[in-house]
Amino acid sequence: MRLGKHFARNYALVMEDIQVKELVGNSLRRMRLHDVAFHELKNTLKYQMEKHGKALILVDPPYTSKTCAKCGYVREDLTLR
C-alpha cells in the first residue's frame, strides 16, 4: 500500500487503538468504520512502520477528543454527538 509506505518513510505515527467490534450504541458509526476497513489500515501501517524501523504508537481512545495534544489540558464539557 503506497499510503502506508509514504507515512512510514516520512512521519512518526500515533493513532487510536479502536476496537470496532467493541463499539456499542450507534450502529451507523460501526458500519462507517467497517466501510473504511480501519483494521486493514492499522495493520498495513504497523507493518510498514516496522519495516522502516519505526513504531506505530497506539493510544487508548478515551478522552482523545477532549485532550489538547499540545498542552495536555482535558476539556470536560465536550460531549459526544
N, C-alpha and C. Protein backbone atom coordinates (compact mmCIF):
# COMPACT_ATOMS: atom_id res chain seq x y z
N MET A 1 0.85 -1.17 0.00
CA MET A 1 0.00 0.00 0.00
C MET A 1 0.90 1.24 0.00
N ARG A 2 0.74 2.06 -0.98
CA ARG A 2 1.58 3.26 -1.12
C ARG A 2 1.43 4.23 0.04
N LEU A 3 0.22 4.38 0.51
CA LEU A 3 -0.03 5.32 1.61
C LEU A 3 0.74 4.90 2.86
N GLY A 4 0.71 3.62 3.19
CA GLY A 4 1.43 3.12 4.36
C GLY A 4 2.93 3.34 4.23
N LYS A 5 3.46 3.10 3.05
CA LYS A 5 4.89 3.29 2.81
C LYS A 5 5.26 4.76 2.92
N HIS A 6 4.43 5.63 2.37
CA HIS A 6 4.67 7.08 2.44
C HIS A 6 4.71 7.56 3.89
N PHE A 7 3.72 7.15 4.68
CA PHE A 7 3.68 7.56 6.08
C PHE A 7 4.89 7.01 6.84
N ALA A 8 5.23 5.75 6.59
CA ALA A 8 6.35 5.13 7.30
C ALA A 8 7.67 5.82 6.99
N ARG A 9 7.85 6.25 5.77
CA ARG A 9 9.10 6.91 5.39
C ARG A 9 9.21 8.33 5.94
N ASN A 10 8.08 9.02 6.07
CA ASN A 10 8.11 10.45 6.33
C ASN A 10 7.60 10.91 7.70
N TYR A 11 6.95 10.04 8.46
CA TYR A 11 6.30 10.51 9.68
C TYR A 11 6.48 9.52 10.83
N ALA A 12 6.31 10.05 12.03
CA ALA A 12 6.10 9.22 13.22
C ALA A 12 4.59 9.14 13.38
N LEU A 13 4.04 7.97 13.64
CA LEU A 13 2.59 7.82 13.67
C LEU A 13 2.06 7.43 15.04
N VAL A 14 0.99 8.11 15.42
CA VAL A 14 0.24 7.80 16.63
C VAL A 14 -1.22 7.75 16.22
N MET A 15 -1.93 6.68 16.59
CA MET A 15 -3.35 6.59 16.25
C MET A 15 -4.11 5.90 17.37
N GLU A 16 -5.42 6.11 17.38
CA GLU A 16 -6.26 5.49 18.40
C GLU A 16 -6.31 3.98 18.18
N ASP A 17 -6.29 3.23 19.26
CA ASP A 17 -6.40 1.78 19.19
C ASP A 17 -7.88 1.42 19.28
N ILE A 18 -8.60 1.66 18.21
CA ILE A 18 -10.05 1.44 18.18
C ILE A 18 -10.34 -0.03 17.94
N GLN A 19 -11.19 -0.60 18.78
CA GLN A 19 -11.66 -1.97 18.61
C GLN A 19 -13.08 -1.88 18.07
N VAL A 20 -13.25 -2.01 16.76
CA VAL A 20 -14.54 -1.79 16.11
C VAL A 20 -15.61 -2.72 16.68
N LYS A 21 -15.25 -3.97 16.97
CA LYS A 21 -16.23 -4.93 17.48
C LYS A 21 -16.79 -4.51 18.83
N GLU A 22 -16.02 -3.75 19.59
CA GLU A 22 -16.44 -3.36 20.93
C GLU A 22 -17.27 -2.08 20.97
N LEU A 23 -17.40 -1.41 19.83
CA LEU A 23 -18.20 -0.19 19.82
C LEU A 23 -19.66 -0.55 20.06
N VAL A 24 -20.31 0.23 20.88
CA VAL A 24 -21.72 -0.03 21.18
C VAL A 24 -22.53 1.20 20.85
N GLY A 25 -23.83 0.99 20.75
CA GLY A 25 -24.71 2.13 20.54
C GLY A 25 -24.98 2.41 19.09
N ASN A 26 -24.27 3.32 18.50
CA ASN A 26 -24.55 3.83 17.18
C ASN A 26 -24.13 2.85 16.09
N SER A 27 -25.11 2.12 15.54
CA SER A 27 -24.79 1.12 14.51
C SER A 27 -24.31 1.79 13.22
N LEU A 28 -24.76 3.00 12.94
CA LEU A 28 -24.30 3.72 11.75
C LEU A 28 -22.80 3.99 11.85
N ARG A 29 -22.34 4.37 13.03
CA ARG A 29 -20.92 4.62 13.24
C ARG A 29 -20.13 3.33 13.02
N ARG A 30 -20.63 2.20 13.54
CA ARG A 30 -19.95 0.91 13.33
C ARG A 30 -19.85 0.58 11.85
N MET A 31 -20.94 0.79 11.11
CA MET A 31 -20.94 0.49 9.68
C MET A 31 -19.93 1.36 8.95
N ARG A 32 -19.84 2.63 9.30
CA ARG A 32 -18.88 3.52 8.65
C ARG A 32 -17.45 3.08 8.91
N LEU A 33 -17.17 2.65 10.14
CA LEU A 33 -15.82 2.19 10.46
C LEU A 33 -15.48 0.92 9.70
N HIS A 34 -16.47 0.03 9.53
CA HIS A 34 -16.23 -1.18 8.75
C HIS A 34 -15.96 -0.82 7.30
N ASP A 35 -16.69 0.15 6.77
CA ASP A 35 -16.51 0.56 5.38
C ASP A 35 -15.09 1.08 5.14
N VAL A 36 -14.53 1.74 6.09
CA VAL A 36 -13.20 2.32 5.95
C VAL A 36 -12.11 1.25 6.04
N ALA A 37 -12.47 0.08 6.52
CA ALA A 37 -11.52 -1.01 6.71
C ALA A 37 -10.38 -0.57 7.63
N PHE A 38 -10.78 -0.04 8.78
CA PHE A 38 -9.84 0.50 9.74
C PHE A 38 -8.80 -0.53 10.18
N HIS A 39 -9.25 -1.74 10.41
CA HIS A 39 -8.34 -2.80 10.86
C HIS A 39 -7.25 -3.05 9.82
N GLU A 40 -7.64 -3.09 8.57
CA GLU A 40 -6.66 -3.32 7.49
C GLU A 40 -5.67 -2.16 7.41
N LEU A 41 -6.16 -0.94 7.54
CA LEU A 41 -5.28 0.23 7.52
C LEU A 41 -4.29 0.19 8.68
N LYS A 42 -4.77 -0.14 9.87
CA LYS A 42 -3.90 -0.20 11.04
C LYS A 42 -2.82 -1.26 10.85
N ASN A 43 -3.19 -2.43 10.34
CA ASN A 43 -2.21 -3.50 10.12
C ASN A 43 -1.18 -3.12 9.07
N THR A 44 -1.62 -2.47 8.00
CA THR A 44 -0.70 -2.04 6.94
C THR A 44 0.27 -1.01 7.47
N LEU A 45 -0.23 -0.04 8.22
CA LEU A 45 0.64 0.99 8.79
C LEU A 45 1.64 0.38 9.76
N LYS A 46 1.17 -0.55 10.59
CA LYS A 46 2.06 -1.20 11.55
C LYS A 46 3.18 -1.95 10.82
N TYR A 47 2.82 -2.70 9.79
CA TYR A 47 3.81 -3.45 9.01
C TYR A 47 4.84 -2.52 8.37
N GLN A 48 4.36 -1.46 7.73
CA GLN A 48 5.27 -0.54 7.04
C GLN A 48 6.17 0.20 8.03
N MET A 49 5.62 0.59 9.17
CA MET A 49 6.43 1.29 10.17
C MET A 49 7.55 0.37 10.68
N GLU A 50 7.21 -0.88 10.99
CA GLU A 50 8.22 -1.82 11.47
C GLU A 50 9.27 -2.09 10.39
N LYS A 51 8.84 -2.18 9.15
CA LYS A 51 9.75 -2.42 8.03
C LYS A 51 10.77 -1.28 7.90
N HIS A 52 10.35 -0.07 8.25
CA HIS A 52 11.23 1.11 8.16
C HIS A 52 11.87 1.46 9.50
N GLY A 53 11.81 0.52 10.45
CA GLY A 53 12.49 0.71 11.73
C GLY A 53 11.81 1.68 12.67
N LYS A 54 10.50 1.85 12.51
CA LYS A 54 9.75 2.77 13.37
C LYS A 54 8.63 2.01 14.06
N ALA A 55 8.03 2.63 15.05
CA ALA A 55 6.92 2.01 15.76
C ALA A 55 5.64 2.79 15.52
N LEU A 56 4.55 2.08 15.35
CA LEU A 56 3.23 2.70 15.29
C LEU A 56 2.73 2.74 16.73
N ILE A 57 2.49 3.92 17.25
CA ILE A 57 2.07 4.07 18.64
C ILE A 57 0.55 4.10 18.68
N LEU A 58 -0.04 3.15 19.41
CA LEU A 58 -1.49 3.07 19.56
C LEU A 58 -1.87 3.60 20.93
N VAL A 59 -2.82 4.54 20.96
CA VAL A 59 -3.24 5.13 22.23
C VAL A 59 -4.66 4.73 22.55
N ASP A 60 -4.96 4.67 23.83
CA ASP A 60 -6.29 4.33 24.31
C ASP A 60 -7.27 5.44 23.90
N PRO A 61 -8.39 5.11 23.25
CA PRO A 61 -9.30 6.13 22.72
C PRO A 61 -9.96 7.09 23.72
N PRO A 62 -10.27 6.69 24.96
CA PRO A 62 -10.97 7.63 25.83
C PRO A 62 -10.22 8.96 25.98
N TYR A 63 -10.97 10.02 25.86
CA TYR A 63 -10.51 11.40 26.04
C TYR A 63 -9.60 11.93 24.93
N THR A 64 -9.39 11.19 23.85
CA THR A 64 -8.50 11.69 22.80
C THR A 64 -9.08 12.93 22.13
N SER A 65 -10.40 13.06 22.10
CA SER A 65 -11.02 14.24 21.50
C SER A 65 -11.07 15.41 22.49
N LYS A 66 -10.96 15.11 23.76
CA LYS A 66 -11.06 16.15 24.78
C LYS A 66 -9.70 16.67 25.23
N THR A 67 -8.66 15.92 24.97
CA THR A 67 -7.33 16.27 25.46
C THR A 67 -6.54 17.04 24.41
N CYS A 68 -6.02 18.20 24.80
CA CYS A 68 -5.19 19.00 23.90
C CYS A 68 -3.87 18.28 23.66
N ALA A 69 -3.53 18.05 22.40
CA ALA A 69 -2.30 17.35 22.05
C ALA A 69 -1.06 18.17 22.39
N LYS A 70 -1.23 19.47 22.50
CA LYS A 70 -0.09 20.36 22.75
C LYS A 70 0.22 20.49 24.24
N CYS A 71 -0.81 20.78 25.06
CA CYS A 71 -0.55 21.06 26.47
C CYS A 71 -1.09 20.00 27.43
N GLY A 72 -1.96 19.09 26.93
CA GLY A 72 -2.50 18.03 27.77
C GLY A 72 -3.75 18.39 28.55
N TYR A 73 -4.26 19.62 28.38
CA TYR A 73 -5.47 20.04 29.09
C TYR A 73 -6.66 19.19 28.63
N VAL A 74 -7.48 18.71 29.58
CA VAL A 74 -8.67 17.93 29.26
C VAL A 74 -9.89 18.82 29.42
N ARG A 75 -10.62 19.01 28.34
CA ARG A 75 -11.82 19.84 28.37
C ARG A 75 -13.01 18.94 28.67
N GLU A 76 -13.49 18.98 29.90
CA GLU A 76 -14.53 18.08 30.39
C GLU A 76 -15.91 18.37 29.83
N ASP A 77 -16.18 19.60 29.37
CA ASP A 77 -17.53 19.96 28.96
C ASP A 77 -17.87 19.51 27.53
N LEU A 78 -16.95 18.87 26.82
CA LEU A 78 -17.25 18.37 25.49
C LEU A 78 -18.04 17.07 25.60
N THR A 79 -19.01 16.89 24.72
CA THR A 79 -19.82 15.67 24.74
C THR A 79 -19.76 15.00 23.37
N LEU A 80 -20.12 13.72 23.34
CA LEU A 80 -20.22 13.01 22.07
C LEU A 80 -21.48 13.44 21.36
N ARG A 81 -21.39 13.55 20.04
CA ARG A 81 -22.59 13.95 19.28
C ARG A 81 -23.16 12.79 18.55
